[in-house]
C-alpha atoms as a PDB file:
ATOM      1  CA  MET A   1      -1.812  -1.436  16.593  1.00  0.00           C
ATOM      2  CA  GLN A   2      -0.650  -2.901  13.407  1.00  0.00           C
ATOM      3  CA  ASP A   3       3.267  -3.353  12.730  1.00  0.00           C
ATOM      4  CA  TYR A   4       3.036  -2.327   9.405  1.00  0.00           C
ATOM      5  CA  ILE A   5       6.162  -1.614   6.943  1.00  0.00           C
ATOM      6  CA  PHE A   6       4.859  -0.241   4.608  1.00  0.00           C
ATOM      7  CA  GLU A   7       2.935   2.726   3.329  1.00  0.00           C
ATOM      8  CA  ILE A   8       2.141   4.959   0.578  1.00  0.00           C
ATOM      9  CA  GLN A   9      -0.209   8.014   0.491  1.00  0.00           C
ATOM     10  CA  LEU A  10      -2.556   8.802  -2.222  1.00  0.00           C
ATOM     11  CA  LYS A  11      -5.037  11.315  -3.533  1.00  0.00           C
ATOM     12  CA  VAL A  12      -8.837  10.294  -4.565  1.00  0.00           C
ATOM     13  CA  ARG A  13     -10.041  11.171  -7.898  1.00  0.00           C
ATOM     14  CA  ASP A  14     -12.816  13.177  -8.613  1.00  0.00           C
ATOM     15  CA  TYR A  15     -13.838  10.639 -11.610  1.00  0.00           C
ATOM     16  CA  GLU A  16     -12.952   8.126  -8.966  1.00  0.00           C
ATOM     17  CA  CYS A  17     -16.189   8.349  -7.118  1.00  0.00           C
ATOM     18  CA  ASP A  18     -20.038   7.539  -7.920  1.00  0.00           C
ATOM     19  CA  LEU A  19     -23.134   8.938  -8.071  1.00  0.00           C
ATOM     20  CA  GLN A  20     -23.665   9.682  -4.686  1.00  0.00           C
ATOM     21  CA  GLY A  21     -20.161  11.032  -4.328  1.00  0.00           C
ATOM     22  CA  VAL A  22     -17.967   8.414  -2.561  1.00  0.00           C
ATOM     23  CA  VAL A  23     -15.305   6.277  -3.803  1.00  0.00           C
ATOM     24  CA  ASN A  24     -16.667   3.405  -5.816  1.00  0.00           C
ATOM     25  CA  ASN A  25     -15.877   0.305  -4.368  1.00  0.00           C
ATOM     26  CA  ALA A  26     -14.370  -1.144  -7.225  1.00  0.00           C
ATOM     27  CA  VAL A  27     -11.918   1.419  -6.827  1.00  0.00           C
ATOM     28  CA  TYR A  28     -10.611   0.124  -4.005  1.00  0.00           C
ATOM     29  CA  GLN A  29      -8.840  -2.877  -5.185  1.00  0.00           C
ATOM     30  CA  GLY A  30      -7.074  -0.584  -7.606  1.00  0.00           C
ATOM     31  CA  TYR A  31      -5.636   1.586  -4.444  1.00  0.00           C
ATOM     32  CA  LEU A  32      -4.669  -1.732  -2.903  1.00  0.00           C
ATOM     33  CA  GLU A  33      -3.098  -2.912  -6.149  1.00  0.00           C
ATOM     34  CA  HIS A  34      -1.053  -0.009  -5.955  1.00  0.00           C
ATOM     35  CA  ALA A  35      -0.183  -0.488  -2.337  1.00  0.00           C
ATOM     36  CA  ARG A  36       1.843  -4.146  -3.648  1.00  0.00           C
ATOM     37  CA  HIS A  37       3.425  -3.168  -6.383  1.00  0.00           C
ATOM     38  CA  GLU A  38       4.937   0.160  -5.293  1.00  0.00           C
ATOM     39  CA  TYR A  39       6.266  -2.017  -2.308  1.00  0.00           C
ATOM     40  CA  LEU A  40       7.422  -4.817  -4.755  1.00  0.00           C
ATOM     41  CA  LEU A  41       9.765  -1.991  -6.024  1.00  0.00           C
ATOM     42  CA  SER A  42      10.576  -0.816  -2.702  1.00  0.00           C
ATOM     43  CA  LYS A  43      12.094  -4.740  -2.300  1.00  0.00           C
ATOM     44  CA  ALA A  44      13.842  -4.285  -5.239  1.00  0.00           C
ATOM     45  CA  ASN A  45      10.611  -6.727  -7.424  1.00  0.00           C
ATOM     46  CA  SER A  46       8.748  -5.615 -10.076  1.00  0.00           C
ATOM     47  CA  PHE A  47       6.066  -7.225 -11.717  1.00  0.00           C
ATOM     48  CA  LYS A  48       7.691  -6.669 -15.664  1.00  0.00           C
ATOM     49  CA  GLU A  49      10.921  -8.351 -14.334  1.00  0.00           C
ATOM     50  CA  LEU A  50       9.535 -11.225 -12.116  1.00  0.00           C
ATOM     51  CA  THR A  51       6.843 -12.234 -15.094  1.00  0.00           C
ATOM     52  CA  GLU A  52      10.179 -12.523 -17.737  1.00  0.00           C
ATOM     53  CA  LYS A  53      11.790 -14.664 -14.789  1.00  0.00           C
ATOM     54  CA  GLY A  54       9.172 -16.824 -15.564  1.00  0.00           C
ATOM     55  CA  ILE A  55       7.581 -15.615 -11.767  1.00  0.00           C
ATOM     56  CA  LEU A  56       3.412 -15.162 -11.910  1.00  0.00           C
ATOM     57  CA  LEU A  57       2.338 -13.505  -8.592  1.00  0.00           C
ATOM     58  CA  MET A  58      -1.251 -14.218  -8.315  1.00  0.00           C
ATOM     59  CA  VAL A  59      -4.380 -12.717  -6.607  1.00  0.00           C
ATOM     60  CA  SER A  60      -6.094 -15.900  -5.376  1.00  0.00           C
ATOM     61  CA  ARG A  61      -8.553 -13.896  -2.480  1.00  0.00           C
ATOM     62  CA  ILE A  62      -9.472 -10.620  -1.408  1.00  0.00           C
ATOM     63  CA  GLU A  63     -11.738 -10.321   1.567  1.00  0.00           C
ATOM     64  CA  MET A  64     -12.350  -6.376   2.150  1.00  0.00           C
ATOM     65  CA  ASP A  65     -14.557  -4.772   5.128  1.00  0.00           C
ATOM     66  CA  PHE A  66     -15.370  -1.164   4.230  1.00  0.00           C
ATOM     67  CA  LYS A  67     -15.918   1.407   7.378  1.00  0.00           C
ATOM     68  CA  ARG A  68     -16.112   4.743   5.867  1.00  0.00           C
ATOM     69  CA  SER A  69     -15.931   6.331   3.133  1.00  0.00           C
ATOM     70  CA  LEU A  70     -13.316   7.986   1.082  1.00  0.00           C
ATOM     71  CA  THR A  71     -14.871  11.229  -0.822  1.00  0.00           C
ATOM     72  CA  SER A  72     -13.208  14.033  -3.616  1.00  0.00           C
ATOM     73  CA  ARG A  73     -10.120  15.272  -3.222  1.00  0.00           C
ATOM     74  CA  ASP A  74      -9.643  13.047   0.423  1.00  0.00           C
ATOM     75  CA  HIS A  75      -5.865  11.846   0.526  1.00  0.00           C
ATOM     76  CA  PHE A  76      -5.074   8.714   2.299  1.00  0.00           C
ATOM     77  CA  ALA A  77      -2.904   5.664   2.931  1.00  0.00           C
ATOM     78  CA  VAL A  78      -2.932   2.587   2.303  1.00  0.00           C
ATOM     79  CA  LYS A  79      -1.080   0.774   5.440  1.00  0.00           C
ATOM     80  CA  LEU A  80      -0.272  -3.285   4.540  1.00  0.00           C
ATOM     81  CA  ARG A  81       2.195  -5.783   6.466  1.00  0.00           C
ATOM     82  CA  THR A  82       2.673  -9.389   5.129  1.00  0.00           C
ATOM     83  CA  GLU A  83       2.690 -12.786   6.503  1.00  0.00           C
ATOM     84  CA  ARG A  84       4.041 -16.274   4.518  1.00  0.00           C
ATOM     85  CA  GLN A  85       0.498 -18.946   5.341  1.00  0.00           C
ATOM     86  CA  GLY A  86       1.513 -22.010   3.645  1.00  0.00           C
ATOM     87  CA  VAL A  87       1.667 -21.777  -0.654  1.00  0.00           C
ATOM     88  CA  LYS A  88       0.015 -17.863   0.465  1.00  0.00           C
ATOM     89  CA  LEU A  89       1.595 -14.359   1.262  1.00  0.00           C
ATOM     90  CA  VAL A  90      -0.979 -12.687   2.733  1.00  0.00           C
ATOM     91  CA  PHE A  91      -0.986  -8.317   2.475  1.00  0.00           C
ATOM     92  CA  PHE A  92      -3.405  -7.558   5.101  1.00  0.00           C
ATOM     93  CA  GLN A  93      -3.985  -3.865   4.461  1.00  0.00           C
ATOM     94  CA  ASP A  94      -5.959  -0.862   5.974  1.00  0.00           C
ATOM     95  CA  ILE A  95      -6.685   2.806   3.985  1.00  0.00           C
ATOM     96  CA  PHE A  96      -6.818   5.566   5.997  1.00  0.00           C
ATOM     97  CA  ARG A  97      -8.191   8.710   5.517  1.00  0.00           C
ATOM     98  CA  LEU A  98      -5.407  11.159   6.423  1.00  0.00           C
ATOM     99  CA  SER A  99      -7.651  13.856   7.864  1.00  0.00           C
ATOM    100  CA  ASP A 100      -8.850  12.488  10.729  1.00  0.00           C
ATOM    101  CA  ASP A 101      -7.158   9.222  10.941  1.00  0.00           C
ATOM    102  CA  ALA A 102     -10.454   7.590  10.215  1.00  0.00           C
ATOM    103  CA  LEU A 103     -10.139   3.905   8.690  1.00  0.00           C
ATOM    104  CA  CYS A 104     -11.909   3.666   5.507  1.00  0.00           C
ATOM    105  CA  LEU A 105     -10.912   0.098   5.091  1.00  0.00           C
ATOM    106  CA  LYS A 106      -9.722  -3.326   6.229  1.00  0.00           C
ATOM    107  CA  ALA A 107      -8.514  -5.456   2.936  1.00  0.00           C
ATOM    108  CA  LYS A 108      -7.171  -9.445   3.146  1.00  0.00           C
ATOM    109  CA  VAL A 109      -5.610  -9.986   0.365  1.00  0.00           C
ATOM    110  CA  GLU A 110      -4.288 -13.559  -0.573  1.00  0.00           C
ATOM    111  CA  VAL A 111      -1.140 -14.147  -3.524  1.00  0.00           C
ATOM    112  CA  ILE A 112      -0.167 -17.510  -4.646  1.00  0.00           C
ATOM    113  CA  ALA A 113       2.634 -17.981  -7.229  1.00  0.00           C
ATOM    114  CA  LYS A 114       3.323 -19.965 -10.432  1.00  0.00           C
ATOM    115  CA  ILE A 115       7.028 -20.793 -11.496  1.00  0.00           C
ATOM    116  CA  ASN A 116       7.271 -21.412 -15.119  1.00  0.00           C
ATOM    117  CA  ASP A 117       3.560 -22.458 -14.934  1.00  0.00           C
ATOM    118  CA  LYS A 118       3.849 -24.442 -11.366  1.00  0.00           C
ATOM    119  CA  LEU A 119       2.352 -23.882  -8.790  1.00  0.00           C
ATOM    120  CA  SER A 120       4.851 -22.521  -6.458  1.00  0.00           C
ATOM    121  CA  ARG A 121       4.940 -24.408  -2.367  1.00  0.00           C
ATOM    122  CA  GLY A 122       6.051 -20.660  -1.278  1.00  0.00           C
ATOM    123  CA  GLU A 123       9.134 -20.576  -1.881  1.00  0.00           C
ATOM    124  CA  VAL A 124       9.809 -17.663  -4.154  1.00  0.00           C
ATOM    125  CA  PHE A 125       8.028 -14.984  -1.544  1.00  0.00           C
ATOM    126  CA  ASP A 126      11.485 -15.951   0.821  1.00  0.00           C
ATOM    127  CA  HIS A 127      13.597 -16.135  -1.807  1.00  0.00           C
ATOM    128  CA  LEU A 128      12.250 -12.587  -3.104  1.00  0.00           C
ATOM    129  CA  ASP A 129      12.443 -11.050   0.658  1.00  0.00           C
ATOM    130  CA  ILE A 130       8.617 -10.231   0.461  1.00  0.00           C
END
């Protein structure tokens, strides 16, 4: 069992599905990003405020393993946990369909930070309490 530290529940919208009636693979990245943004807000951080302070958080790598498809009007949860790995903050994010608790997607998202246009050595993640 994962030790998730944050969860958000969402619903698939019709326009997110392709001709096969399943969520388009590119849409999953939007779900993951939305969950990361909401997680930051839950920790009293926002991308806008961080940017105004000269702190830019940027995705450097994403790995996504598609397990099962979501379809129109499915309710699902994006759950995440974080781990520091050197200069990176890694988000481990899983998407579960709520009706049957089926794992639909496993993702690993690596994030780096620039502070005033200089690559951070990761210390910013400690100060942000994320």
